[in-house]
Amino acid sequence: MSLMPYFIIWSVLAVVVIVLALMRRNVSEHEDDSIHLAGGEAAANEQAMIAKKLTAIDKWGNLLTIILVATGLVLAVLYGLQVWDETSRVGLK
């Protein structure tokens, strides 16, 4: 059983998680953490929109990171079992 297709899918998932992290960093650079007492509703609306984007990115980032770690552990166990099985048969040939 070849694990290469699963490793490729896992690598693509890892790239997606990294892209989400970079997107979050890029969006959060435009976030303003100060409180504006005057200055209108435009700044508040922009900050609310940025907060919604960050919430969506965080939700998907957290979910995909959990999936990435879980599938990575499963792949590592399967690889270890495959190596153990192949090395245990060396003396039997």
PDB file of N, CA and C in Angstrom:
ATOM      1  N   MET A   1       0.840  -1.179   0.000  1.00  0.00           N
ATOM      2  CA  MET A   1       0.000   0.000   0.000  1.00  0.00           C
ATOM      3  C   MET A   1       0.884   1.241   0.000  1.00  0.00           C
ATOM      4  N   SER A   2       0.682   2.069  -0.982  1.00  0.00           N
ATOM      5  CA  SER A   2       1.463   3.290  -1.095  1.00  0.00           C
ATOM      6  C   SER A   2       0.749   4.436  -0.377  1.00  0.00           C
ATOM      7  N   LEU A   3       1.482   5.127   0.453  1.00  0.00           N
ATOM      8  CA  LEU A   3       0.926   6.254   1.188  1.00  0.00           C
ATOM      9  C   LEU A   3       1.152   7.579   0.474  1.00  0.00           C
ATOM     10  N   MET A   4       1.788   7.559  -0.687  1.00  0.00           N
ATOM     11  CA  MET A   4       2.124   8.795  -1.385  1.00  0.00           C
ATOM     12  C   MET A   4       0.894   9.640  -1.745  1.00  0.00           C
ATOM     13  N   PRO A   5      -0.200   9.074  -2.257  1.00  0.00           N
ATOM     14  CA  PRO A   5      -1.367   9.932  -2.543  1.00  0.00           C
ATOM     15  C   PRO A   5      -1.909  10.627  -1.292  1.00  0.00           C
ATOM     16  N   TYR A   6      -1.903   9.919  -0.174  1.00  0.00           N
ATOM     17  CA  TYR A   6      -2.378  10.509   1.073  1.00  0.00           C
ATOM     18  C   TYR A   6      -1.431  11.604   1.554  1.00  0.00           C
ATOM     19  N   PHE A   7      -0.133  11.385   1.372  1.00  0.00           N
ATOM     20  CA  PHE A   7       0.838  12.401   1.758  1.00  0.00           C
ATOM     21  C   PHE A   7       0.687  13.645   0.895  1.00  0.00           C
ATOM     22  N   ILE A   8       0.402  13.477  -0.382  1.00  0.00           N
ATOM     23  CA  ILE A   8       0.215  14.627  -1.278  1.00  0.00           C
ATOM     24  C   ILE A   8      -1.025  15.413  -0.856  1.00  0.00           C
ATOM     25  N   ILE A   9      -2.112  14.720  -0.548  1.00  0.00           N
ATOM     26  CA  ILE A   9      -3.330  15.394  -0.082  1.00  0.00           C
ATOM     27  C   ILE A   9      -3.054  16.122   1.228  1.00  0.00           C
ATOM     28  N   TRP A  10      -2.311  15.491   2.129  1.00  0.00           N
ATOM     29  CA  TRP A  10      -1.965  16.111   3.404  1.00  0.00           C
ATOM     30  C   TRP A  10      -1.104  17.350   3.176  1.00  0.00           C
ATOM     31  N   SER A  11      -0.184  17.297   2.219  1.00  0.00           N
ATOM     32  CA  SER A  11       0.669  18.449   1.908  1.00  0.00           C
ATOM     33  C   SER A  11      -0.148  19.611   1.356  1.00  0.00           C
ATOM     34  N   VAL A  12      -1.112  19.299   0.515  1.00  0.00           N
ATOM     35  CA  VAL A  12      -1.987  20.359  -0.019  1.00  0.00           C
ATOM     36  C   VAL A  12      -2.780  20.998   1.125  1.00  0.00           C
ATOM     37  N   LEU A  13      -3.263  20.184   2.045  1.00  0.00           N
ATOM     38  CA  LEU A  13      -3.973  20.711   3.201  1.00  0.00           C
ATOM     39  C   LEU A  13      -3.059  21.602   4.049  1.00  0.00           C
ATOM     40  N   ALA A  14      -1.807  21.201   4.198  1.00  0.00           N
ATOM     41  CA  ALA A  14      -0.848  22.014   4.947  1.00  0.00           C
ATOM     42  C   ALA A  14      -0.623  23.362   4.259  1.00  0.00           C
ATOM     43  N   VAL A  15      -0.553  23.361   2.942  1.00  0.00           N
ATOM     44  CA  VAL A  15      -0.375  24.613   2.199  1.00  0.00           C
ATOM     45  C   VAL A  15      -1.602  25.509   2.391  1.00  0.00           C
ATOM     46  N   VAL A  16      -2.791  24.933   2.398  1.00  0.00           N
ATOM     47  CA  VAL A  16      -4.014  25.712   2.616  1.00  0.00           C
ATOM     48  C   VAL A  16      -4.002  26.351   4.001  1.00  0.00           C
ATOM     49  N   VAL A  17      -3.556  25.611   5.010  1.00  0.00           N
ATOM     50  CA  VAL A  17      -3.483  26.157   6.368  1.00  0.00           C
ATOM     51  C   VAL A  17      -2.464  27.298   6.425  1.00  0.00           C
ATOM     52  N   ILE A  18      -1.347  27.150   5.753  1.00  0.00           N
ATOM     53  CA  ILE A  18      -0.339  28.212   5.732  1.00  0.00           C
ATOM     54  C   ILE A  18      -0.878  29.447   5.013  1.00  0.00           C
ATOM     55  N   VAL A  19      -1.589  29.246   3.909  1.00  0.00           N
ATOM     56  CA  VAL A  19      -2.175  30.379   3.184  1.00  0.00           C
ATOM     57  C   VAL A  19      -3.209  31.092   4.066  1.00  0.00           C
ATOM     58  N   LEU A  20      -4.012  30.346   4.796  1.00  0.00           N
ATOM     59  CA  LEU A  20      -4.973  30.968   5.711  1.00  0.00           C
ATOM     60  C   LEU A  20      -4.264  31.784   6.793  1.00  0.00           C
ATOM     61  N   ALA A  21      -3.155  31.281   7.301  1.00  0.00           N
ATOM     62  CA  ALA A  21      -2.399  32.020   8.315  1.00  0.00           C
ATOM     63  C   ALA A  21      -1.843  33.318   7.731  1.00  0.00           C
ATOM     64  N   LEU A  22      -1.357  33.254   6.505  1.00  0.00           N
ATOM     65  CA  LEU A  22      -0.846  34.467   5.860  1.00  0.00           C
ATOM     66  C   LEU A  22      -1.973  35.452   5.558  1.00  0.00           C
ATOM     67  N   MET A  23      -3.135  34.933   5.150  1.00  0.00           N
ATOM     68  CA  MET A  23      -4.290  35.805   4.917  1.00  0.00           C
ATOM     69  C   MET A  23      -4.714  36.489   6.210  1.00  0.00           C
ATOM     70  N   ARG A  24      -4.726  35.740   7.300  1.00  0.00           N
ATOM     71  CA  ARG A  24      -5.115  36.327   8.582  1.00  0.00           C
ATOM     72  C   ARG A  24      -4.138  37.422   8.994  1.00  0.00           C
ATOM     73  N   ARG A  25      -2.864  37.159   8.776  1.00  0.00           N
ATOM     74  CA  ARG A  25      -1.849  38.168   9.105  1.00  0.00           C
ATOM     75  C   ARG A  25      -2.061  39.422   8.264  1.00  0.00           C
ATOM     76  N   ASN A  26      -2.353  39.249   6.994  1.00  0.00           N
ATOM     77  CA  ASN A  26      -2.559  40.381   6.101  1.00  0.00           C
ATOM     78  C   ASN A  26      -3.797  41.180   6.500  1.00  0.00           C
ATOM     79  N   VAL A  27      -4.899  40.501   6.833  1.00  0.00           N
ATOM     80  CA  VAL A  27      -6.122  41.199   7.225  1.00  0.00           C
ATOM     81  C   VAL A  27      -5.934  41.893   8.569  1.00  0.00           C
ATOM     82  N   SER A  28      -5.242  41.248   9.499  1.00  0.00           N
ATOM     83  CA  SER A  28      -5.085  41.832  10.836  1.00  0.00           C
ATOM     84  C   SER A  28      -4.157  43.043  10.832  1.00  0.00           C
ATOM     85  N   GLU A  29      -3.344  43.212   9.800  1.00  0.00           N
ATOM     86  CA  GLU A  29      -2.502  44.415   9.719  1.00  0.00           C
ATOM     87  C   GLU A  29      -3.347  45.673   9.540  1.00  0.00           C
ATOM     88  N   HIS A  30      -4.546  45.531   8.993  1.00  0.00           N
ATOM     89  CA  HIS A  30      -5.431  46.674   8.767  1.00  0.00           C
ATOM     90  C   HIS A  30      -6.366  46.924   9.946  1.00  0.00           C
ATOM     91  N   GLU A  31      -6.251  46.097  10.969  1.00  0.00           N
ATOM     92  CA  GLU A  31      -7.114  46.237  12.136  1.00  0.00           C
ATOM     93  C   GLU A  31      -6.612  47.371  13.014  1.00  0.00           C
ATOM     94  N   ASP A  32      -7.537  48.146  13.525  1.00  0.00           N
ATOM     95  CA  ASP A  32      -7.207  49.262  14.402  1.00  0.00           C
ATOM     96  C   ASP A  32      -7.731  48.922  15.791  1.00  0.00           C
ATOM     97  N   ASP A  33      -6.831  48.804  16.754  1.00  0.00           N
ATOM     98  CA  ASP A  33      -7.228  48.391  18.103  1.00  0.00           C
ATOM     99  C   ASP A  33      -7.622  49.555  19.005  1.00  0.00           C
ATOM    100  N   SER A  34      -7.504  50.775  18.518  1.00  0.00           N
ATOM    101  CA  SER A  34      -7.838  51.923  19.361  1.00  0.00           C
ATOM    102  C   SER A  34      -9.336  52.229  19.288  1.00  0.00           C
ATOM    103  N   ILE A  35      -9.821  52.875  20.324  1.00  0.00           N
ATOM    104  CA  ILE A  35     -11.232  53.239  20.416  1.00  0.00           C
ATOM    105  C   ILE A  35     -11.396  54.642  19.855  1.00  0.00           C
ATOM    106  N   HIS A  36     -12.319  54.792  18.925  1.00  0.00           N
ATOM    107  CA  HIS A  36     -12.595  56.091  18.325  1.00  0.00           C
ATOM    108  C   HIS A  36     -13.886  56.641  18.923  1.00  0.00           C
ATOM    109  N   LEU A  37     -13.754  57.726  19.687  1.00  0.00           N
ATOM    110  CA  LEU A  37     -14.932  58.323  20.305  1.00  0.00           C
ATOM    111  C   LEU A  37     -15.661  59.230  19.325  1.00  0.00           C
ATOM    112  N   ALA A  38     -14.910  59.833  18.439  1.00  0.00           N
ATOM    113  CA  ALA A  38     -15.509  60.686  17.418  1.00  0.00           C
ATOM    114  C   ALA A  38     -14.860  60.305  16.095  1.00  0.00           C
ATOM    115  N   GLY A  39     -15.496  60.606  15.035  1.00  0.00           N
ATOM    116  CA  GLY A  39     -14.879  60.288  13.762  1.00  0.00           C
ATOM    117  C   GLY A  39     -15.799  59.541  12.836  1.00  0.00           C
ATOM    118  N   GLY A  40     -16.957  59.297  13.300  1.00  0.00           N
ATOM    119  CA  GLY A  40     -17.937  58.772  12.389  1.00  0.00           C
ATOM    120  C   GLY A  40     -18.118  57.276  12.431  1.00  0.00           C
ATOM    121  N   GLU A  41     -19.072  56.908  11.655  1.00  0.00           N
ATOM    122  CA  GLU A  41     -19.482  55.524  11.596  1.00  0.00           C
ATOM    123  C   GLU A  41     -18.666  54.726  10.584  1.00  0.00           C
ATOM    124  N   ALA A  42     -17.985  55.416   9.671  1.00  0.00           N
ATOM    125  CA  ALA A  42     -17.230  54.730   8.615  1.00  0.00           C
ATOM    126  C   ALA A  42     -16.105  53.887   9.195  1.00  0.00           C
ATOM    127  N   ALA A  43     -15.390  54.435  10.150  1.00  0.00           N
ATOM    128  CA  ALA A  43     -14.284  53.689  10.758  1.00  0.00           C
ATOM    129  C   ALA A  43     -14.811  52.483  11.529  1.00  0.00           C
ATOM    130  N   ALA A  44     -15.931  52.652  12.208  1.00  0.00           N
ATOM    131  CA  ALA A  44     -16.518  51.545  12.969  1.00  0.00           C
ATOM    132  C   ALA A  44     -17.010  50.447  12.034  1.00  0.00           C
ATOM    133  N   ASN A  45     -17.622  50.830  10.920  1.00  0.00           N
ATOM    134  CA  ASN A  45     -18.091  49.832   9.955  1.00  0.00           C
ATOM    135  C   ASN A  45     -16.935  49.067   9.342  1.00  0.00           C
ATOM    136  N   GLU A  46     -15.852  49.773   9.045  1.00  0.00           N
ATOM    137  CA  GLU A  46     -14.668  49.113   8.460  1.00  0.00           C
ATOM    138  C   GLU A  46     -14.069  48.126   9.450  1.00  0.00           C
ATOM    139  N   GLN A  47     -14.003  48.520  10.717  1.00  0.00           N
ATOM    140  CA  GLN A  47     -13.446  47.633  11.733  1.00  0.00           C
ATOM    141  C   GLN A  47     -14.360  46.426  11.975  1.00  0.00           C
ATOM    142  N   ALA A  48     -15.660  46.634  11.868  1.00  0.00           N
ATOM    143  CA  ALA A  48     -16.596  45.506  12.020  1.00  0.00           C
ATOM    144  C   ALA A  48     -16.433  44.527  10.872  1.00  0.00           C
ATOM    145  N   MET A  49     -16.216  45.053   9.669  1.00  0.00           N
ATOM    146  CA  MET A  49     -16.010  44.186   8.513  1.00  0.00           C
ATOM    147  C   MET A  49     -14.704  43.389   8.651  1.00  0.00           C
ATOM    148  N   ILE A  50     -13.670  44.039   9.142  1.00  0.00           N
ATOM    149  CA  ILE A  50     -12.391  43.351   9.363  1.00  0.00           C
ATOM    150  C   ILE A  50     -12.551  42.278  10.436  1.00  0.00           C
ATOM    151  N   ALA A  51     -13.313  42.584  11.480  1.00  0.00           N
ATOM    152  CA  ALA A  51     -13.538  41.606  12.546  1.00  0.00           C
ATOM    153  C   ALA A  51     -14.291  40.383  12.018  1.00  0.00           C
ATOM    154  N   LYS A  52     -15.259  40.597  11.124  1.00  0.00           N
ATOM    155  CA  LYS A  52     -15.985  39.465  10.536  1.00  0.00           C
ATOM    156  C   LYS A  52     -15.061  38.602   9.688  1.00  0.00           C
ATOM    157  N   LYS A  53     -14.189  39.250   8.913  1.00  0.00           N
ATOM    158  CA  LYS A  53     -13.236  38.496   8.090  1.00  0.00           C
ATOM    159  C   LYS A  53     -12.303  37.670   8.973  1.00  0.00           C
ATOM    160  N   LEU A  54     -11.813  38.283  10.046  1.00  0.00           N
ATOM    161  CA  LEU A  54     -10.910  37.573  10.953  1.00  0.00           C
ATOM    162  C   LEU A  54     -11.606  36.399  11.629  1.00  0.00           C
ATOM    163  N   THR A  55     -12.866  36.578  11.982  1.00  0.00           N
ATOM    164  CA  THR A  55     -13.622  35.488  12.607  1.00  0.00           C
ATOM    165  C   THR A  55     -13.780  34.312  11.649  1.00  0.00           C
ATOM    166  N   ALA A  56     -14.093  34.615  10.390  1.00  0.00           N
ATOM    167  CA  ALA A  56     -14.254  33.543   9.393  1.00  0.00           C
ATOM    168  C   ALA A  56     -12.930  32.835   9.128  1.00  0.00           C
ATOM    169  N   ILE A  57     -11.863  33.602   8.997  1.00  0.00           N
ATOM    170  CA  ILE A  57     -10.549  32.997   8.759  1.00  0.00           C
ATOM    171  C   ILE A  57     -10.134  32.148   9.953  1.00  0.00           C
ATOM    172  N   ASP A  58     -10.382  32.648  11.164  1.00  0.00           N
ATOM    173  CA  ASP A  58     -10.032  31.885  12.373  1.00  0.00           C
ATOM    174  C   ASP A  58     -10.809  30.581  12.458  1.00  0.00           C
ATOM    175  N   LYS A  59     -12.110  30.639  12.117  1.00  0.00           N
ATOM    176  CA  LYS A  59     -12.935  29.424  12.182  1.00  0.00           C
ATOM    177  C   LYS A  59     -12.383  28.354  11.248  1.00  0.00           C
ATOM    178  N   TRP A  60     -12.147  28.723  10.000  1.00  0.00           N
ATOM    179  CA  TRP A  60     -11.623  27.756   9.033  1.00  0.00           C
ATOM    180  C   TRP A  60     -10.190  27.345   9.361  1.00  0.00           C
ATOM    181  N   GLY A  61      -9.394  28.290   9.824  1.00  0.00           N
ATOM    182  CA  GLY A  61      -8.016  27.969  10.181  1.00  0.00           C
ATOM    183  C   GLY A  61      -7.931  26.973  11.309  1.00  0.00           C
ATOM    184  N   ASN A  62      -8.746  27.169  12.343  1.00  0.00           N
ATOM    185  CA  ASN A  62      -8.748  26.238  13.476  1.00  0.00           C
ATOM    186  C   ASN A  62      -9.230  24.852  13.060  1.00  0.00           C
ATOM    187  N   LEU A  63     -10.309  24.811  12.286  1.00  0.00           N
ATOM    188  CA  LEU A  63     -10.853  23.526  11.843  1.00  0.00           C
ATOM    189  C   LEU A  63      -9.859  22.768  10.971  1.00  0.00           C
ATOM    190  N   LEU A  64      -9.265  23.451  10.004  1.00  0.00           N
ATOM    191  CA  LEU A  64      -8.322  22.787   9.111  1.00  0.00           C
ATOM    192  C   LEU A  64      -7.022  22.411   9.813  1.00  0.00           C
ATOM    193  N   THR A  65      -6.619  23.190  10.816  1.00  0.00           N
ATOM    194  CA  THR A  65      -5.420  22.829  11.578  1.00  0.00           C
ATOM    195  C   THR A  65      -5.652  21.555  12.381  1.00  0.00           C
ATOM    196  N   ILE A  66      -6.826  21.421  12.980  1.00  0.00           N
ATOM    197  CA  ILE A  66      -7.152  20.200  13.725  1.00  0.00           C
ATOM    198  C   ILE A  66      -7.167  19.005  12.778  1.00  0.00           C
ATOM    199  N   ILE A  67      -7.786  19.173  11.599  1.00  0.00           N
ATOM    200  CA  ILE A  67      -7.814  18.092  10.617  1.00  0.00           C
ATOM    201  C   ILE A  67      -6.403  17.761  10.150  1.00  0.00           C
ATOM    202  N   LEU A  68      -5.571  18.783   9.941  1.00  0.00           N
ATOM    203  CA  LEU A  68      -4.188  18.576   9.502  1.00  0.00           C
ATOM    204  C   LEU A  68      -3.395  17.764  10.523  1.00  0.00           C
ATOM    205  N   VAL A  69      -3.514  18.122  11.780  1.00  0.00           N
ATOM    206  CA  VAL A  69      -2.777  17.406  12.826  1.00  0.00           C
ATOM    207  C   VAL A  69      -3.277  15.972  12.959  1.00  0.00           C
ATOM    208  N   ALA A  70      -4.601  15.796  12.946  1.00  0.00           N
ATOM    209  CA  ALA A  70      -5.158  14.446  13.099  1.00  0.00           C
ATOM    210  C   ALA A  70      -4.752  13.547  11.937  1.00  0.00           C
ATOM    211  N   THR A  71      -4.861  14.036  10.716  1.00  0.00           N
ATOM    212  CA  THR A  71      -4.483  13.215   9.567  1.00  0.00           C
ATOM    213  C   THR A  71      -2.978  12.993   9.519  1.00  0.00           C
ATOM    214  N   GLY A  72      -2.217  13.962   9.987  1.00  0.00           N
ATOM    215  CA  GLY A  72      -0.768  13.777  10.056  1.00  0.00           C
ATOM    216  C   GLY A  72      -0.386  12.673  11.024  1.00  0.00           C
ATOM    217  N   LEU A  73      -1.066  12.633  12.157  1.00  0.00           N
ATOM    218  CA  LEU A  73      -0.800  11.559  13.121  1.00  0.00           C
ATOM    219  C   LEU A  73      -1.198  10.197  12.560  1.00  0.00           C
ATOM    220  N   VAL A  74      -2.335  10.148  11.872  1.00  0.00           N
ATOM    221  CA  VAL A  74      -2.776   8.884  11.270  1.00  0.00           C
ATOM    222  C   VAL A  74      -1.774   8.430  10.214  1.00  0.00           C
ATOM    223  N   LEU A  75      -1.313   9.360   9.377  1.00  0.00           N
ATOM    224  CA  LEU A  75      -0.320   9.011   8.354  1.00  0.00           C
ATOM    225  C   LEU A  75       0.985   8.536   8.987  1.00  0.00           C
ATOM    226  N   ALA A  76       1.399   9.173  10.063  1.00  0.00           N
ATOM    227  CA  ALA A  76       2.633   8.764  10.734  1.00  0.00           C
ATOM    228  C   ALA A  76       2.508   7.353  11.300  1.00  0.00           C
ATOM    229  N   VAL A  77       1.365   7.046  11.887  1.00  0.00           N
ATOM    230  CA  VAL A  77       1.141   5.697  12.430  1.00  0.00           C
ATOM    231  C   VAL A  77       1.112   4.673  11.299  1.00  0.00           C
ATOM    232  N   LEU A  78       0.402   4.992  10.211  1.00  0.00           N
ATOM    233  CA  LEU A  78       0.354   4.064   9.080  1.00  0.00           C
ATOM    234  C   LEU A  78       1.738   3.841   8.474  1.00  0.00           C
ATOM    235  N   TYR A  79       2.519   4.904   8.378  1.00  0.00           N
ATOM    236  CA  TYR A  79       3.880   4.763   7.848  1.00  0.00           C
ATOM    237  C   TYR A  79       4.720   3.903   8.778  1.00  0.00           C
ATOM    238  N   GLY A  80       4.603   4.132  10.076  1.00  0.00           N
ATOM    239  CA  GLY A  80       5.347   3.321  11.045  1.00  0.00           C
ATOM    240  C   GLY A  80       4.957   1.854  10.972  1.00  0.00           C
ATOM    241  N   LEU A  81       3.673   1.579  10.838  1.00  0.00           N
ATOM    242  CA  LEU A  81       3.221   0.188  10.708  1.00  0.00           C
ATOM    243  C   LEU A  81       3.726  -0.444   9.415  1.00  0.00           C
ATOM    244  N   GLN A  82       3.736   0.339   8.351  1.00  0.00           N
ATOM    245  CA  GLN A  82       4.219  -0.172   7.069  1.00  0.00           C
ATOM    246  C   GLN A  82       5.711  -0.493   7.139  1.00  0.00           C
ATOM    247  N   VAL A  83       6.486   0.385   7.739  1.00  0.00           N
ATOM    248  CA  VAL A  83       7.925   0.131   7.883  1.00  0.00           C
ATOM    249  C   VAL A  83       8.171  -1.061   8.792  1.00  0.00           C
ATOM    250  N   TRP A  84       7.424  -1.151   9.878  1.00  0.00           N
ATOM    251  CA  TRP A  84       7.584  -2.273  10.801  1.00  0.00           C
ATOM    252  C   TRP A  84       7.244  -3.595  10.108  1.00  0.00           C
ATOM    253  N   ASP A  85       6.184  -3.609   9.326  1.00  0.00           N
ATOM    254  CA  ASP A  85       5.784  -4.818   8.613  1.00  0.00           C
ATOM    255  C   ASP A  85       6.833  -5.242   7.587  1.00  0.00           C
ATOM    256  N   GLU A  86       7.371  -4.269   6.866  1.00  0.00           N
ATOM    257  CA  GLU A  86       8.385  -4.595   5.851  1.00  0.00           C
ATOM    258  C   GLU A  86       9.686  -5.080   6.483  1.00  0.00           C
ATOM    259  N   THR A  87      10.083  -4.484   7.586  1.00  0.00           N
ATOM    260  CA  THR A  87      11.333  -4.904   8.229  1.00  0.00           C
ATOM    261  C   THR A  87      11.160  -6.222   8.959  1.00  0.00           C
ATOM    262  N   SER A  88       9.952  -6.555   9.376  1.00  0.00           N
ATOM    263  CA  SER A  88       9.757  -7.825  10.069  1.00  0.00           C
ATOM    264  C   SER A  88       9.743  -9.000   9.088  1.00  0.00           C
ATOM    265  N   ARG A  89       9.526  -8.733   7.813  1.00  0.00           N
ATOM    266  CA  ARG A  89       9.503  -9.799   6.805  1.00  0.00           C
ATOM    267  C   ARG A  89      10.876 -10.045   6.170  1.00  0.00           C
ATOM    268  N   VAL A  90      11.854  -9.235   6.494  1.00  0.00           N
ATOM    269  CA  VAL A  90      13.169  -9.363   5.857  1.00  0.00           C
ATOM    270  C   VAL A  90      13.786 -10.717   6.165  1.00  0.00           C
ATOM    271  N   GLY A  91      13.688 -11.188   7.372  1.00  0.00           N
ATOM    272  CA  GLY A  91      14.301 -12.457   7.735  1.00  0.00           C
ATOM    273  C   GLY A  91      13.542 -13.669   7.235  1.00  0.00           C
ATOM    274  N   LEU A  92      12.330 -13.497   6.768  1.00  0.00           N
ATOM    275  CA  LEU A  92      11.510 -14.626   6.353  1.00  0.00           C
ATOM    276  C   LEU A  92      11.723 -15.022   4.885  1.00  0.00           C
ATOM    277  N   LYS A  93      12.423 -14.226   4.122  1.00  0.00           N
ATOM    278  CA  LYS A  93      12.583 -14.515   2.691  1.00  0.00           C
ATOM    279  C   LYS A  93      13.652 -15.511   2.424  1.00  0.00           C
TER     280      LYS A  93
END
